[in-house]
Amino acid sequence: MVFDGIIISFIVGFLRKGNLRALAQLKLKWGWIFPLLLVVELAVFKLQNSYKILGQWSGSIYIIVYVLGLLFLFINRKNRGFTLILIGVFLNFIVMILNGGRMPVSVEAASILDPSYTEVLKKSLYAKHTMLTSSTHLGFLGDVIPISKPYPRTQIISIGDIVMNIGIFLFIQYLMTGHRLAKKGVTASLSLKGGEK
């Protein structure tokens, strides 16, 4: 869902005649850590079912990834939208840490997905997600919200995902249309047109 939010935000930004000038000059503290955490998370997700020891430690690795991600967001919280992103990530983090480092998934919500996903959810020994049951802590913060047609990609998301994507949207819109560098391009264009004869 995060990637969806980023793509949608850029599309809306361009429709609003925004630009990427400010993005090119963007400087975030610990800016290098975000792509690193993303690579680690994707690697663990892909390999955890193939290597037993990785699967056994995957829950702990996800928690470390989330803690570092939260620190990154906190030290950059003054950026537009980052407080909402921080809250969204924290909501996902809290439900995962209370459930062994896994994101609880509603089987009922997952019924909109391929049946094989539900089977893996029930039987897989290692995965980033776990089946939501009566013993799940704060289950309402898990992946319990189904999204299907007319949305182009069927998926299930959490409350934290929604809050996080609102923050991402506000951040990217500000960079593309509200930042001084983005406005500078528009002002220059208007000045040029005003001087034409």
Protein backbone atom coordinates (compact mmCIF):
# COMPACT_ATOMS: atom_id res chain seq x y z
CA MET A 1 0.00 0.00 0.00
CA VAL A 2 2.92 2.36 0.63
CA PHE A 3 4.04 2.12 -2.99
CA ASP A 4 0.47 2.76 -4.14
CA GLY A 5 0.34 5.90 -2.00
CA ILE A 6 3.62 7.19 -3.41
CA ILE A 7 2.58 6.58 -7.02
CA ILE A 8 -0.86 8.17 -6.52
CA SER A 9 0.73 11.17 -4.80
CA PHE A 10 3.09 11.79 -7.73
CA ILE A 11 0.27 11.42 -10.27
CA VAL A 12 -1.89 13.94 -8.38
CA GLY A 13 1.10 16.25 -8.04
CA PHE A 14 1.68 16.26 -11.79
CA LEU A 15 -2.04 16.76 -12.45
CA ARG A 16 -1.80 19.83 -10.22
CA LYS A 17 1.04 21.00 -12.49
CA GLY A 18 3.63 20.34 -9.83
CA ASN A 19 7.29 19.55 -10.47
CA LEU A 20 10.21 17.66 -8.94
CA ARG A 21 12.59 20.58 -8.37
CA ALA A 22 12.25 20.44 -4.58
CA LEU A 23 12.59 16.65 -4.58
CA ALA A 24 16.01 16.94 -6.17
CA GLN A 25 17.14 19.24 -3.33
CA LEU A 26 15.51 17.22 -0.56
CA LYS A 27 17.80 16.60 2.41
CA LEU A 28 16.68 14.28 5.19
CA LYS A 29 18.64 13.33 8.28
CA TRP A 30 19.65 9.66 8.06
CA GLY A 31 18.35 9.76 4.49
CA TRP A 32 20.44 6.71 3.61
CA ILE A 33 18.69 4.50 6.14
CA PHE A 34 15.28 4.33 4.43
CA PRO A 35 16.44 2.50 1.27
CA LEU A 36 18.63 0.24 3.42
CA LEU A 37 15.70 -0.75 5.65
CA LEU A 38 13.55 -1.34 2.59
CA VAL A 39 16.15 -3.71 1.09
CA VAL A 40 16.50 -5.60 4.38
CA GLU A 41 12.74 -5.99 4.78
CA LEU A 42 12.25 -7.20 1.21
CA ALA A 43 15.19 -9.62 1.49
CA VAL A 44 13.87 -11.15 4.70
CA PHE A 45 10.36 -11.40 3.26
CA LYS A 46 11.63 -13.23 0.17
CA LEU A 47 14.09 -15.56 1.91
CA GLN A 48 12.55 -16.30 5.31
CA ASN A 49 10.70 -19.42 4.10
CA SER A 50 13.86 -20.78 2.43
CA TYR A 51 16.26 -20.46 5.38
CA LYS A 52 15.07 -21.80 8.71
CA ILE A 53 17.27 -19.61 10.89
CA LEU A 54 16.21 -16.49 8.99
CA GLY A 55 12.59 -17.50 9.43
CA GLN A 56 13.10 -17.97 13.16
CA TRP A 57 14.63 -14.51 13.51
CA SER A 58 12.47 -12.70 10.95
CA GLY A 59 10.02 -11.37 13.56
CA SER A 60 12.87 -9.78 15.51
CA ILE A 61 14.42 -8.38 12.32
CA TYR A 62 11.11 -6.74 11.35
CA ILE A 63 10.89 -5.14 14.80
CA ILE A 64 14.43 -3.72 14.46
CA VAL A 65 13.55 -2.39 11.00
CA TYR A 66 10.46 -0.69 12.39
CA VAL A 67 12.34 0.83 15.36
CA LEU A 68 15.00 2.32 13.07
CA GLY A 69 12.28 3.53 10.69
CA LEU A 70 10.45 5.22 13.55
CA LEU A 71 13.66 6.93 14.65
CA PHE A 72 14.23 8.17 11.08
CA LEU A 73 10.70 9.59 10.94
CA PHE A 74 10.99 11.15 14.39
CA ILE A 75 14.18 13.08 13.67
CA ASN A 76 12.63 14.31 10.41
CA ARG A 77 9.19 15.01 11.90
CA LYS A 78 9.32 18.72 11.03
CA ASN A 79 8.83 17.87 7.36
CA ARG A 80 5.27 18.27 6.10
CA GLY A 81 3.26 15.07 6.60
CA PHE A 82 5.98 13.21 8.53
CA THR A 83 4.06 13.30 11.82
CA LEU A 84 1.18 11.41 10.18
CA ILE A 85 3.61 8.96 8.58
CA LEU A 86 5.17 8.44 12.02
CA ILE A 87 1.77 7.79 13.61
CA GLY A 88 0.79 5.35 10.86
CA VAL A 89 4.04 3.38 11.12
CA PHE A 90 3.74 3.36 14.92
CA LEU A 91 0.23 1.89 14.74
CA ASN A 92 1.55 -0.93 12.54
CA PHE A 93 4.56 -1.36 14.80
CA ILE A 94 2.57 -1.62 18.03
CA VAL A 95 0.26 -4.34 16.70
CA MET A 96 3.22 -6.26 15.28
CA ILE A 97 5.33 -6.10 18.44
CA LEU A 98 2.38 -7.35 20.49
CA ASN A 99 1.97 -10.29 18.12
CA GLY A 100 5.48 -11.67 17.82
CA GLY A 101 6.74 -9.31 15.13
CA ARG A 102 3.98 -10.31 12.69
CA MET A 103 1.15 -8.28 11.21
CA PRO A 104 -2.21 -9.94 12.04
CA VAL A 105 -4.40 -10.52 8.99
CA SER A 106 -8.14 -11.06 9.03
CA VAL A 107 -9.00 -14.30 7.20
CA GLU A 108 -12.39 -12.81 6.37
CA ALA A 109 -10.77 -9.73 4.79
CA ALA A 110 -8.23 -11.98 3.02
CA SER A 111 -11.08 -13.82 1.27
CA ILE A 112 -10.91 -11.20 -1.50
CA LEU A 113 -7.38 -12.38 -2.32
CA ASP A 114 -6.24 -15.52 -4.11
CA PRO A 115 -7.26 -18.58 -2.03
CA SER A 116 -3.63 -19.71 -1.97
CA TYR A 117 -2.77 -16.68 0.18
CA THR A 118 -5.24 -17.76 2.85
CA GLU A 119 -3.80 -21.28 2.81
CA VAL A 120 -0.25 -19.96 3.22
CA LEU A 121 -1.47 -17.66 5.99
CA LYS A 122 -2.92 -20.63 7.86
CA LYS A 123 -0.08 -23.10 7.24
CA SER A 124 3.14 -21.18 6.65
CA LEU A 125 5.62 -21.44 9.51
CA TYR A 126 7.37 -18.18 8.72
CA ALA A 127 5.95 -15.05 7.17
CA LYS A 128 5.64 -11.34 7.80
CA HIS A 129 1.94 -11.86 8.47
CA THR A 130 0.03 -14.07 10.88
CA MET A 131 -3.60 -15.10 11.03
CA LEU A 132 -5.80 -12.92 13.21
CA THR A 133 -7.45 -15.01 15.93
CA SER A 134 -9.32 -14.48 19.19
CA SER A 135 -5.98 -14.36 21.01
CA THR A 136 -4.56 -11.59 18.79
CA HIS A 137 -3.72 -8.37 20.61
CA LEU A 138 -5.20 -5.14 19.18
CA GLY A 139 -6.45 -7.05 16.16
CA PHE A 140 -8.36 -4.03 14.85
CA LEU A 141 -4.97 -2.45 14.01
CA GLY A 142 -4.03 -5.38 11.79
CA ASP A 143 -4.74 -5.89 8.10
CA VAL A 144 -8.52 -5.95 8.37
CA ILE A 145 -9.63 -3.53 5.63
CA PRO A 146 -10.24 -5.18 2.22
CA ILE A 147 -9.80 -3.13 -0.96
CA SER A 148 -11.03 -4.42 -4.30
CA LYS A 149 -12.68 -3.13 -7.49
CA PRO A 150 -12.91 -0.43 -8.68
CA TYR A 151 -9.46 -0.02 -7.11
CA PRO A 152 -7.03 -1.57 -9.61
CA ARG A 153 -5.16 -3.74 -7.08
CA THR A 154 -6.92 -6.09 -4.69
CA GLN A 155 -5.35 -5.98 -1.23
CA ILE A 156 -5.96 -5.73 2.50
CA ILE A 157 -4.64 -2.86 4.57
CA SER A 158 -4.53 -1.57 8.12
CA ILE A 159 -5.59 1.67 9.81
CA GLY A 160 -1.89 2.47 10.12
CA ASP A 161 -1.46 2.09 6.36
CA ILE A 162 -4.22 4.64 5.74
CA VAL A 163 -2.77 7.20 8.17
CA MET A 164 0.73 6.66 6.77
CA ASN A 165 -0.40 7.16 3.18
CA ILE A 166 -2.23 10.38 4.04
CA GLY A 167 1.07 11.66 5.45
CA ILE A 168 2.97 10.53 2.33
CA PHE A 169 0.41 12.29 0.14
CA LEU A 170 0.71 15.57 2.07
CA PHE A 171 4.52 15.39 1.97
CA ILE A 172 4.75 14.78 -1.78
CA GLN A 173 2.09 17.37 -2.58
CA TYR A 174 4.02 19.94 -0.58
CA LEU A 175 7.27 19.09 -2.38
CA MET A 176 5.67 19.23 -5.81
CA THR A 177 3.37 22.23 -5.43
CA GLY A 178 3.96 24.06 -2.13
CA HIS A 179 7.73 24.14 -1.68
CA ARG A 180 9.51 27.40 -2.59
CA LEU A 181 11.54 25.65 -5.31
CA ALA A 182 8.39 24.21 -6.87
CA LYS A 183 6.73 27.63 -6.79
CA LYS A 184 9.86 29.25 -8.21
CA GLY A 185 9.40 27.35 -11.45
CA VAL A 186 5.78 28.46 -11.74
CA THR A 187 6.65 32.10 -10.98
CA ALA A 188 9.41 32.13 -13.59
CA SER A 189 7.05 30.68 -16.19
CA LEU A 190 4.38 33.29 -15.47
CA SER A 191 6.96 36.12 -15.62
CA LEU A 192 8.12 34.91 -19.03
CA LYS A 193 4.60 34.81 -20.39
CA GLY A 194 3.92 38.29 -19.01
CA GLY A 195 6.91 39.68 -20.87
CA GLU A 196 6.00 38.19 -24.26
CA LYS A 197 4.67 40.40 -26.99
